N, C-alpha and C. Protein backbone atom coordinates (compact mmCIF):
# COMPACT_ATOMS: atom_id res chain seq x y z
N MET A 1 -92.63 229.55 167.95
CA MET A 1 -92.46 229.80 169.37
C MET A 1 -92.70 228.49 170.11
N PRO A 2 -91.76 228.06 170.95
CA PRO A 2 -91.93 226.80 171.67
C PRO A 2 -92.99 226.92 172.75
N TYR A 3 -93.65 225.80 172.99
CA TYR A 3 -94.70 225.75 174.01
C TYR A 3 -94.07 225.68 175.38
N ARG A 4 -94.47 226.57 176.26
CA ARG A 4 -93.99 226.53 177.63
C ARG A 4 -94.99 225.75 178.46
N GLN A 5 -94.51 224.72 179.08
CA GLN A 5 -95.39 223.87 179.88
C GLN A 5 -95.93 224.67 181.05
N GLY A 6 -97.22 224.56 181.28
CA GLY A 6 -97.87 225.23 182.40
C GLY A 6 -98.35 226.63 182.09
N SER A 7 -98.13 227.14 180.89
CA SER A 7 -98.55 228.50 180.58
C SER A 7 -100.04 228.58 180.24
N GLN A 8 -100.61 227.51 179.73
CA GLN A 8 -102.02 227.54 179.32
C GLN A 8 -102.99 227.71 180.49
N PRO A 9 -102.91 226.94 181.58
CA PRO A 9 -103.87 227.14 182.67
C PRO A 9 -103.80 228.53 183.29
N ARG A 10 -102.59 229.07 183.37
CA ARG A 10 -102.46 230.41 183.92
C ARG A 10 -103.18 231.42 183.02
N SER A 11 -103.05 231.24 181.72
CA SER A 11 -103.69 232.13 180.77
C SER A 11 -105.22 232.05 180.89
N VAL A 12 -105.74 230.84 181.02
CA VAL A 12 -107.18 230.66 181.15
C VAL A 12 -107.67 231.30 182.45
N ALA A 13 -106.92 231.13 183.52
CA ALA A 13 -107.30 231.73 184.80
C ALA A 13 -107.27 233.25 184.72
N GLN A 14 -106.29 233.80 184.02
CA GLN A 14 -106.23 235.25 183.87
C GLN A 14 -107.42 235.79 183.09
N VAL A 15 -107.77 235.13 182.02
CA VAL A 15 -108.91 235.58 181.21
C VAL A 15 -110.21 235.45 182.00
N ALA A 16 -110.35 234.37 182.76
CA ALA A 16 -111.55 234.20 183.59
C ALA A 16 -111.62 235.30 184.64
N GLY A 17 -110.49 235.62 185.23
CA GLY A 17 -110.45 236.71 186.21
C GLY A 17 -110.80 238.05 185.60
N MET A 18 -110.34 238.27 184.38
CA MET A 18 -110.66 239.51 183.69
C MET A 18 -112.16 239.61 183.42
N GLY A 19 -112.76 238.49 183.05
CA GLY A 19 -114.21 238.48 182.81
C GLY A 19 -115.00 238.73 184.08
N LEU A 20 -114.54 238.15 185.17
CA LEU A 20 -115.21 238.38 186.46
C LEU A 20 -115.06 239.84 186.90
N GLU A 21 -113.90 240.41 186.63
CA GLU A 21 -113.70 241.82 186.96
C GLU A 21 -114.64 242.71 186.14
N LEU A 22 -114.79 242.40 184.87
CA LEU A 22 -115.71 243.15 184.01
C LEU A 22 -117.13 243.06 184.53
N ALA A 23 -117.57 241.85 184.84
CA ALA A 23 -118.93 241.66 185.35
C ALA A 23 -119.11 242.32 186.71
N GLY A 24 -118.12 242.18 187.57
CA GLY A 24 -118.22 242.77 188.91
C GLY A 24 -118.30 244.28 188.87
N THR A 25 -117.49 244.91 188.03
CA THR A 25 -117.53 246.36 187.91
C THR A 25 -118.88 246.83 187.39
N THR A 26 -119.40 246.13 186.40
CA THR A 26 -120.70 246.49 185.84
C THR A 26 -121.80 246.37 186.88
N VAL A 27 -121.83 245.25 187.59
CA VAL A 27 -122.88 245.02 188.59
C VAL A 27 -122.75 246.00 189.75
N ALA A 28 -121.52 246.26 190.19
CA ALA A 28 -121.32 247.16 191.33
C ALA A 28 -121.79 248.58 191.00
N LEU A 29 -121.42 249.09 189.84
CA LEU A 29 -121.83 250.45 189.50
C LEU A 29 -123.31 250.53 189.14
N ALA A 30 -123.87 249.48 188.58
CA ALA A 30 -125.32 249.46 188.34
C ALA A 30 -126.05 249.45 189.67
N GLY A 31 -125.54 248.70 190.63
CA GLY A 31 -126.14 248.68 191.97
C GLY A 31 -126.04 250.03 192.64
N LEU A 32 -124.91 250.70 192.49
CA LEU A 32 -124.76 252.04 193.04
C LEU A 32 -125.75 253.01 192.39
N GLY A 33 -125.92 252.88 191.09
CA GLY A 33 -126.91 253.71 190.39
C GLY A 33 -128.32 253.43 190.86
N HIS A 34 -128.61 252.17 191.16
CA HIS A 34 -129.93 251.80 191.69
C HIS A 34 -130.15 252.45 193.05
N LEU A 35 -129.12 252.46 193.89
CA LEU A 35 -129.25 253.12 195.19
C LEU A 35 -129.48 254.62 195.04
N VAL A 36 -128.83 255.22 194.07
CA VAL A 36 -129.05 256.65 193.80
C VAL A 36 -130.50 256.86 193.36
N ASP A 37 -131.02 255.99 192.50
CA ASP A 37 -132.41 256.09 192.07
C ASP A 37 -133.36 256.00 193.27
N ARG A 38 -133.11 255.05 194.16
CA ARG A 38 -133.98 254.88 195.33
C ARG A 38 -133.90 256.08 196.26
N TYR A 39 -132.68 256.62 196.45
CA TYR A 39 -132.49 257.76 197.33
C TYR A 39 -133.20 259.00 196.79
N CYS A 40 -133.11 259.19 195.48
CA CYS A 40 -133.73 260.36 194.86
C CYS A 40 -135.23 260.19 194.69
N GLY A 41 -135.72 258.98 194.79
CA GLY A 41 -137.15 258.73 194.71
C GLY A 41 -137.72 258.84 193.30
N GLY A 42 -136.90 258.78 192.30
CA GLY A 42 -137.39 258.88 190.93
C GLY A 42 -138.08 257.60 190.50
N ALA A 43 -139.03 257.75 189.60
CA ALA A 43 -139.77 256.60 189.11
C ALA A 43 -138.97 255.85 188.03
N GLY A 44 -138.05 256.54 187.38
CA GLY A 44 -137.27 255.92 186.32
C GLY A 44 -136.02 255.23 186.86
N SER A 45 -135.31 254.61 185.98
CA SER A 45 -134.09 253.90 186.35
C SER A 45 -132.89 254.52 185.67
N ILE A 46 -132.82 255.83 185.66
CA ILE A 46 -131.73 256.52 184.97
C ILE A 46 -130.39 256.22 185.65
N GLY A 47 -130.35 256.26 186.97
CA GLY A 47 -129.11 255.99 187.70
C GLY A 47 -128.63 254.57 187.48
N PHE A 48 -129.57 253.63 187.48
CA PHE A 48 -129.24 252.23 187.25
C PHE A 48 -128.62 252.04 185.87
N ALA A 49 -129.26 252.62 184.86
CA ALA A 49 -128.77 252.49 183.49
C ALA A 49 -127.42 253.19 183.33
N ALA A 50 -127.30 254.40 183.87
CA ALA A 50 -126.04 255.14 183.76
C ALA A 50 -124.92 254.40 184.49
N GLY A 51 -125.21 253.91 185.68
CA GLY A 51 -124.21 253.15 186.43
C GLY A 51 -123.79 251.90 185.68
N GLY A 52 -124.73 251.21 185.08
CA GLY A 52 -124.41 250.01 184.30
C GLY A 52 -123.54 250.32 183.10
N PHE A 53 -123.87 251.39 182.38
CA PHE A 53 -123.07 251.76 181.21
C PHE A 53 -121.66 252.21 181.61
N ILE A 54 -121.58 253.02 182.67
CA ILE A 54 -120.27 253.48 183.14
C ILE A 54 -119.44 252.30 183.65
N GLY A 55 -120.08 251.42 184.42
CA GLY A 55 -119.38 250.25 184.93
C GLY A 55 -118.88 249.35 183.81
N PHE A 56 -119.71 249.14 182.80
CA PHE A 56 -119.29 248.32 181.67
C PHE A 56 -118.15 248.98 180.91
N GLY A 57 -118.24 250.28 180.73
CA GLY A 57 -117.18 251.00 180.02
C GLY A 57 -115.85 250.92 180.76
N LEU A 58 -115.86 251.16 182.07
CA LEU A 58 -114.63 251.07 182.86
C LEU A 58 -114.10 249.65 182.90
N GLY A 59 -114.99 248.69 183.06
CA GLY A 59 -114.57 247.29 183.08
C GLY A 59 -113.98 246.85 181.76
N MET A 60 -114.57 247.28 180.67
CA MET A 60 -114.06 246.93 179.34
C MET A 60 -112.72 247.60 179.08
N TYR A 61 -112.55 248.82 179.55
CA TYR A 61 -111.27 249.51 179.43
C TYR A 61 -110.17 248.72 180.12
N ARG A 62 -110.43 248.28 181.37
CA ARG A 62 -109.45 247.46 182.11
C ARG A 62 -109.22 246.12 181.41
N PHE A 63 -110.27 245.52 180.90
CA PHE A 63 -110.16 244.25 180.19
C PHE A 63 -109.22 244.37 179.00
N ILE A 64 -109.41 245.42 178.21
CA ILE A 64 -108.58 245.62 177.02
C ILE A 64 -107.14 245.88 177.41
N LEU A 65 -106.91 246.71 178.44
CA LEU A 65 -105.53 246.97 178.87
C LEU A 65 -104.84 245.69 179.33
N LYS A 66 -105.52 244.87 180.10
CA LYS A 66 -104.93 243.62 180.57
C LYS A 66 -104.71 242.65 179.42
N ALA A 67 -105.63 242.60 178.47
CA ALA A 67 -105.46 241.71 177.32
C ALA A 67 -104.26 242.12 176.48
N LEU A 68 -104.10 243.42 176.26
CA LEU A 68 -102.95 243.90 175.50
C LEU A 68 -101.64 243.60 176.22
N LYS A 69 -101.64 243.77 177.53
CA LYS A 69 -100.44 243.47 178.32
C LYS A 69 -100.11 241.98 178.23
N GLN A 70 -101.12 241.13 178.29
CA GLN A 70 -100.91 239.68 178.20
C GLN A 70 -100.38 239.31 176.82
N ILE A 71 -100.88 239.94 175.78
CA ILE A 71 -100.39 239.68 174.42
C ILE A 71 -98.93 240.09 174.30
N GLU A 72 -98.57 241.25 174.85
CA GLU A 72 -97.19 241.70 174.79
C GLU A 72 -96.26 240.75 175.54
N GLU A 73 -96.70 240.24 176.68
CA GLU A 73 -95.88 239.30 177.45
C GLU A 73 -95.72 237.98 176.69
N THR A 74 -96.74 237.58 175.97
CA THR A 74 -96.67 236.34 175.21
C THR A 74 -95.70 236.46 174.05
N ASN A 75 -95.64 237.64 173.44
CA ASN A 75 -94.76 237.86 172.28
C ASN A 75 -93.29 238.01 172.67
N ASP A 76 -93.03 238.30 173.92
CA ASP A 76 -91.63 238.46 174.37
C ASP A 76 -90.92 237.16 174.55
């Protein structure tokens, strides 16, 4: 496959954006879970942990979908 000039920086920027999206989703939902914990007045951090896990799961799902799409575009 011939090298297309200018394709590498775009690819790096896309992967960096995907990583930021993963981190942002995780932090946002963990923060939402923390607010739920504070509102409910519980001593534990169940909402924080659940929000973090859900955020990471959703972010990773989007990451994988975008990575597969990028791989398919590269193979075309």
